[in-house]
Amino acid sequence: MTEQARKPFLYVVVCAAGVAAGVGELIALARTRGWDVGVVATPLATGFLDTAAIEEQTGRPLRSAWRAPGDPRPFPDPDAVTVAPATFNTVNKWAAGISDTLALGTLCEAYGQGVPISVLPCVSEALTAHPAYGESVERLRGMGVRFGDHAFGGPAERGFRWEQALDLLAG
């Protein structure tokens, strides 16, 4: 009996923005493109998500907290990571190397693992004007992180381009 080849594994990091409720669309697109998917949510993002639906869709637990020492790893190492939607808070903390949640720790480690990372920001125009945000985006771009179009909330959320997260990883 031959061992079945492992599909590439995508970590989807979800932050607390209104559009987060639609992450099932990204999961479906990723699976159609041949990815297995695991979802890591910021603690606040869990309030925006249908955990049961995500777990059914991925076949894996939704993660938002660190596992206990000795507990098995619920996901294999990532072949790529996407952050969709990415918030002001997450972008700034990640760029500063802050790892105070599982989501941020995952992003900080992904850079060290050398895997491709894409980001779909969902940040208000007022917050994008803050100098720390622009500096953080530039720092992350300098680390090889690939940024997609910004969504600014409200009507823009209805047109959130989930597929762009995968397109950025492809090329």
C-alpha atoms as a PDB file:
ATOM      1  CA  MET A   1       0.000   0.000   0.000  1.00  0.00           C
ATOM      2  CA  THR A   2       1.419   3.407  -0.939  1.00  0.00           C
ATOM      3  CA  GLU A   3       1.178   6.428   1.290  1.00  0.00           C
ATOM      4  CA  GLN A   4      -1.085   9.170  -0.020  1.00  0.00           C
ATOM      5  CA  ALA A   5       0.684  12.457  -0.806  1.00  0.00           C
ATOM      6  CA  ARG A   6      -0.023  15.209   1.697  1.00  0.00           C
ATOM      7  CA  LYS A   7      -1.833  18.262   0.369  1.00  0.00           C
ATOM      8  CA  PRO A   8      -0.155  21.595   1.062  1.00  0.00           C
ATOM      9  CA  PHE A   9      -1.367  23.059   4.340  1.00  0.00           C
ATOM     10  CA  LEU A  10      -2.600  26.647   4.653  1.00  0.00           C
ATOM     11  CA  TYR A  11      -2.964  28.457   7.955  1.00  0.00           C
ATOM     12  CA  VAL A  12      -5.732  31.070   7.787  1.00  0.00           C
ATOM     13  CA  VAL A  13      -5.313  33.667  10.538  1.00  0.00           C
ATOM     14  CA  VAL A  14      -8.545  35.581  11.158  1.00  0.00           C
ATOM     15  CA  CYS A  15      -8.772  38.902  13.007  1.00  0.00           C
ATOM     16  CA  ALA A  16     -11.774  40.690  14.532  1.00  0.00           C
ATOM     17  CA  ALA A  17     -13.338  42.629  11.655  1.00  0.00           C
ATOM     18  CA  GLY A  18     -16.917  42.445  10.423  1.00  0.00           C
ATOM     19  CA  VAL A  19     -15.905  40.665   7.237  1.00  0.00           C
ATOM     20  CA  ALA A  20     -14.398  37.791   9.285  1.00  0.00           C
ATOM     21  CA  ALA A  21     -17.796  36.077   9.330  1.00  0.00           C
ATOM     22  CA  GLY A  22     -17.278  35.317   5.625  1.00  0.00           C
ATOM     23  CA  VAL A  23     -14.020  33.377   6.064  1.00  0.00           C
ATOM     24  CA  GLY A  24     -15.820  30.219   4.939  1.00  0.00           C
ATOM     25  CA  GLU A  25     -15.571  31.618   1.406  1.00  0.00           C
ATOM     26  CA  LEU A  26     -11.760  31.690   1.683  1.00  0.00           C
ATOM     27  CA  ILE A  27     -11.696  28.178   3.118  1.00  0.00           C
ATOM     28  CA  ALA A  28     -13.837  26.875   0.237  1.00  0.00           C
ATOM     29  CA  LEU A  29     -11.635  28.610  -2.357  1.00  0.00           C
ATOM     30  CA  ALA A  30      -8.468  27.240  -0.757  1.00  0.00           C
ATOM     31  CA  ARG A  31      -9.809  23.696  -0.700  1.00  0.00           C
ATOM     32  CA  THR A  32     -10.836  24.012  -4.361  1.00  0.00           C
ATOM     33  CA  ARG A  33      -7.242  25.017  -5.139  1.00  0.00           C
ATOM     34  CA  GLY A  34      -5.868  21.923  -3.414  1.00  0.00           C
ATOM     35  CA  TRP A  35      -5.072  23.196   0.098  1.00  0.00           C
ATOM     36  CA  ASP A  36      -5.866  21.611   3.421  1.00  0.00           C
ATOM     37  CA  VAL A  37      -6.769  24.417   5.824  1.00  0.00           C
ATOM     38  CA  GLY A  38      -6.486  25.167   9.517  1.00  0.00           C
ATOM     39  CA  VAL A  39      -7.942  28.335  11.051  1.00  0.00           C
ATOM     40  CA  VAL A  40      -6.293  30.345  13.822  1.00  0.00           C
ATOM     41  CA  ALA A  41      -8.377  33.225  15.144  1.00  0.00           C
ATOM     42  CA  THR A  42      -7.488  36.083  17.432  1.00  0.00           C
ATOM     43  CA  PRO A  43      -9.419  35.806  20.701  1.00  0.00           C
ATOM     44  CA  LEU A  44     -11.722  38.695  19.718  1.00  0.00           C
ATOM     45  CA  ALA A  45     -12.297  37.255  16.240  1.00  0.00           C
ATOM     46  CA  THR A  46     -13.927  34.157  17.697  1.00  0.00           C
ATOM     47  CA  GLY A  47     -16.987  36.300  18.437  1.00  0.00           C
ATOM     48  CA  PHE A  48     -17.351  36.993  14.702  1.00  0.00           C
ATOM     49  CA  LEU A  49     -17.103  33.353  13.603  1.00  0.00           C
ATOM     50  CA  ASP A  50     -19.310  30.279  13.415  1.00  0.00           C
ATOM     51  CA  THR A  51     -16.818  27.907  15.013  1.00  0.00           C
ATOM     52  CA  ALA A  52     -18.859  24.777  14.333  1.00  0.00           C
ATOM     53  CA  ALA A  53     -19.216  25.630  10.633  1.00  0.00           C
ATOM     54  CA  ILE A  54     -15.476  26.308  10.273  1.00  0.00           C
ATOM     55  CA  GLU A  55     -14.575  23.075  12.035  1.00  0.00           C
ATOM     56  CA  GLU A  56     -16.958  21.117   9.831  1.00  0.00           C
ATOM     57  CA  GLN A  57     -15.597  22.779   6.692  1.00  0.00           C
ATOM     58  CA  THR A  58     -11.913  22.216   7.581  1.00  0.00           C
ATOM     59  CA  GLY A  59     -12.239  18.973   9.520  1.00  0.00           C
ATOM     60  CA  ARG A  60     -10.004  20.510  12.191  1.00  0.00           C
ATOM     61  CA  PRO A  61     -10.492  22.476  15.405  1.00  0.00           C
ATOM     62  CA  LEU A  62     -10.536  26.257  15.199  1.00  0.00           C
ATOM     63  CA  ARG A  63      -7.612  27.446  17.294  1.00  0.00           C
ATOM     64  CA  SER A  64      -7.423  30.644  19.302  1.00  0.00           C
ATOM     65  CA  ALA A  65      -5.409  29.645  22.368  1.00  0.00           C
ATOM     66  CA  TRP A  66      -2.066  28.017  23.003  1.00  0.00           C
ATOM     67  CA  ARG A  67      -2.087  24.257  23.439  1.00  0.00           C
ATOM     68  CA  ALA A  68      -0.901  22.772  26.728  1.00  0.00           C
ATOM     69  CA  PRO A  69       2.583  21.261  26.909  1.00  0.00           C
ATOM     70  CA  GLY A  70       2.450  17.672  25.753  1.00  0.00           C
ATOM     71  CA  ASP A  71      -0.787  18.125  23.783  1.00  0.00           C
ATOM     72  CA  PRO A  72      -0.486  16.964  20.173  1.00  0.00           C
ATOM     73  CA  ARG A  73      -0.194  19.576  17.465  1.00  0.00           C
ATOM     74  CA  PRO A  74      -3.586  19.907  15.767  1.00  0.00           C
ATOM     75  CA  PHE A  75      -2.107  21.211  12.489  1.00  0.00           C
ATOM     76  CA  PRO A  76       0.954  20.201  10.473  1.00  0.00           C
ATOM     77  CA  ASP A  77       3.568  22.857   9.758  1.00  0.00           C
ATOM     78  CA  PRO A  78       2.249  25.420   7.276  1.00  0.00           C
ATOM     79  CA  ASP A  79       3.227  25.536   3.639  1.00  0.00           C
ATOM     80  CA  ALA A  80       1.774  29.065   3.553  1.00  0.00           C
ATOM     81  CA  VAL A  81      -0.099  31.480   5.805  1.00  0.00           C
ATOM     82  CA  THR A  82      -2.695  34.107   5.051  1.00  0.00           C
ATOM     83  CA  VAL A  83      -4.113  36.753   7.362  1.00  0.00           C
ATOM     84  CA  ALA A  84      -7.618  37.642   6.266  1.00  0.00           C
ATOM     85  CA  PRO A  85      -8.946  39.960   7.457  1.00  0.00           C
ATOM     86  CA  ALA A  86      -5.961  41.639   9.103  1.00  0.00           C
ATOM     87  CA  THR A  87      -6.647  44.456  11.547  1.00  0.00           C
ATOM     88  CA  PHE A  88      -4.687  47.559  12.555  1.00  0.00           C
ATOM     89  CA  ASN A  89      -3.858  45.966  15.899  1.00  0.00           C
ATOM     90  CA  THR A  90      -2.562  42.711  14.423  1.00  0.00           C
ATOM     91  CA  VAL A  91      -0.473  44.377  11.708  1.00  0.00           C
ATOM     92  CA  ASN A  92       1.222  46.703  14.209  1.00  0.00           C
ATOM     93  CA  LYS A  93       1.843  44.063  16.866  1.00  0.00           C
ATOM     94  CA  TRP A  94       3.147  41.552  14.309  1.00  0.00           C
ATOM     95  CA  ALA A  95       5.566  44.078  12.814  1.00  0.00           C
ATOM     96  CA  ALA A  96       6.829  44.841  16.332  1.00  0.00           C
ATOM     97  CA  GLY A  97       7.410  41.146  17.022  1.00  0.00           C
ATOM     98  CA  ILE A  98       4.750  40.943  19.737  1.00  0.00           C
ATOM     99  CA  SER A  99       3.517  37.397  20.262  1.00  0.00           C
ATOM    100  CA  ASP A 100       0.849  37.719  22.960  1.00  0.00           C
ATOM    101  CA  THR A 101      -1.800  35.584  21.224  1.00  0.00           C
ATOM    102  CA  LEU A 102      -1.642  32.324  19.307  1.00  0.00           C
ATOM    103  CA  ALA A 103      -2.462  34.222  16.104  1.00  0.00           C
ATOM    104  CA  LEU A 104       0.455  36.620  16.541  1.00  0.00           C
ATOM    105  CA  GLY A 105       2.795  33.839  17.634  1.00  0.00           C
ATOM    106  CA  THR A 106       1.811  31.908  14.510  1.00  0.00           C
ATOM    107  CA  LEU A 107       2.625  34.918  12.312  1.00  0.00           C
ATOM    108  CA  CYS A 108       5.949  35.607  14.004  1.00  0.00           C
ATOM    109  CA  GLU A 109       6.954  31.944  13.636  1.00  0.00           C
ATOM    110  CA  ALA A 110       5.806  31.742  10.014  1.00  0.00           C
ATOM    111  CA  TYR A 111       8.359  34.392   9.072  1.00  0.00           C
ATOM    112  CA  GLY A 112      11.080  32.326  10.745  1.00  0.00           C
ATOM    113  CA  GLN A 113       9.896  29.219   8.890  1.00  0.00           C
ATOM    114  CA  GLY A 114      10.291  31.010   5.571  1.00  0.00           C
ATOM    115  CA  VAL A 115       6.799  30.201   4.332  1.00  0.00           C
ATOM    116  CA  PRO A 116       4.921  32.581   2.009  1.00  0.00           C
ATOM    117  CA  ILE A 117       2.558  34.935   3.846  1.00  0.00           C
ATOM    118  CA  SER A 118      -0.270  37.011   2.388  1.00  0.00           C
ATOM    119  CA  VAL A 119      -2.355  39.681   4.087  1.00  0.00           C
ATOM    120  CA  LEU A 120      -5.748  41.181   3.282  1.00  0.00           C
ATOM    121  CA  PRO A 121      -6.072  44.236   5.525  1.00  0.00           C
ATOM    122  CA  CYS A 122      -9.424  45.457   6.776  1.00  0.00           C
ATOM    123  CA  VAL A 123      -8.483  48.740   8.429  1.00  0.00           C
ATOM    124  CA  SER A 124     -10.370  52.029   8.551  1.00  0.00           C
ATOM    125  CA  GLU A 125      -9.029  54.915   6.498  1.00  0.00           C
ATOM    126  CA  ALA A 126      -8.543  56.905   9.698  1.00  0.00           C
ATOM    127  CA  LEU A 127      -6.325  54.166  11.150  1.00  0.00           C
ATOM    128  CA  THR A 128      -4.315  53.723   7.944  1.00  0.00           C
ATOM    129  CA  ALA A 129      -3.373  57.401   8.319  1.00  0.00           C
ATOM    130  CA  HIS A 130      -1.600  56.657  11.622  1.00  0.00           C
ATOM    131  CA  PRO A 131       2.176  56.684  11.029  1.00  0.00           C
ATOM    132  CA  ALA A 132       2.700  53.441  12.960  1.00  0.00           C
ATOM    133  CA  TYR A 133       0.493  51.559  10.507  1.00  0.00           C
ATOM    134  CA  GLY A 134       2.416  52.635   7.408  1.00  0.00           C
ATOM    135  CA  GLU A 135       5.702  51.821   9.111  1.00  0.00           C
ATOM    136  CA  SER A 136       4.399  48.397  10.114  1.00  0.00           C
ATOM    137  CA  VAL A 137       3.214  47.608   6.586  1.00  0.00           C
ATOM    138  CA  GLU A 138       6.586  48.639   5.166  1.00  0.00           C
ATOM    139  CA  ARG A 139       8.441  46.536   7.739  1.00  0.00           C
ATOM    140  CA  LEU A 140       6.324  43.485   6.944  1.00  0.00           C
ATOM    141  CA  ARG A 141       6.740  44.024   3.197  1.00  0.00           C
ATOM    142  CA  GLY A 142      10.488  44.184   3.806  1.00  0.00           C
ATOM    143  CA  MET A 143      10.154  40.760   5.448  1.00  0.00           C
ATOM    144  CA  GLY A 144       8.567  39.428   2.241  1.00  0.00           C
ATOM    145  CA  VAL A 145       4.939  39.581   3.382  1.00  0.00           C
ATOM    146  CA  ARG A 146       2.591  40.095   0.420  1.00  0.00           C
ATOM    147  CA  PHE A 147      -0.199  42.647   0.948  1.00  0.00           C
ATOM    148  CA  GLY A 148      -3.453  42.721  -0.943  1.00  0.00           C
ATOM    149  CA  ASP A 149      -5.949  45.526  -1.378  1.00  0.00           C
ATOM    150  CA  HIS A 150      -7.274  47.298   1.692  1.00  0.00           C
ATOM    151  CA  ALA A 151     -10.919  47.008   2.653  1.00  0.00           C
ATOM    152  CA  PHE A 152     -12.072  49.948   4.719  1.00  0.00           C
ATOM    153  CA  GLY A 153     -15.228  48.547   6.323  1.00  0.00           C
ATOM    154  CA  GLY A 154     -18.842  49.275   5.511  1.00  0.00           C
ATOM    155  CA  PRO A 155     -19.734  48.622   1.852  1.00  0.00           C
ATOM    156  CA  ALA A 156     -16.143  47.596   1.053  1.00  0.00           C
ATOM    157  CA  GLU A 157     -16.587  44.539   3.283  1.00  0.00           C
ATOM    158  CA  ARG A 158     -19.290  43.228   0.957  1.00  0.00           C
ATOM    159  CA  GLY A 159     -16.717  43.164  -1.836  1.00  0.00           C
ATOM    160  CA  PHE A 160     -13.884  41.675   0.239  1.00  0.00           C
ATOM    161  CA  ARG A 161     -11.663  39.829  -2.222  1.00  0.00           C
ATOM    162  CA  TRP A 162     -10.963  36.574  -0.395  1.00  0.00           C
ATOM    163  CA  GLU A 163      -9.455  35.001  -3.522  1.00  0.00           C
ATOM    164  CA  GLN A 164      -6.718  37.637  -3.507  1.00  0.00           C
ATOM    165  CA  ALA A 165      -5.239  36.002  -0.375  1.00  0.00           C
ATOM    166  CA  LEU A 166      -4.591  32.852  -2.411  1.00  0.00           C
ATOM    167  CA  ASP A 167      -3.553  34.692  -5.575  1.00  0.00           C
ATOM    168  CA  LEU A 168      -0.832  36.501  -3.593  1.00  0.00           C
ATOM    169  CA  LEU A 169       0.539  33.176  -2.377  1.00  0.00           C
ATOM    170  CA  ALA A 170       0.623  31.765  -5.899  1.00  0.00           C
ATOM    171  CA  GLY A 171       2.809  34.405  -7.325  1.00  0.00           C
END
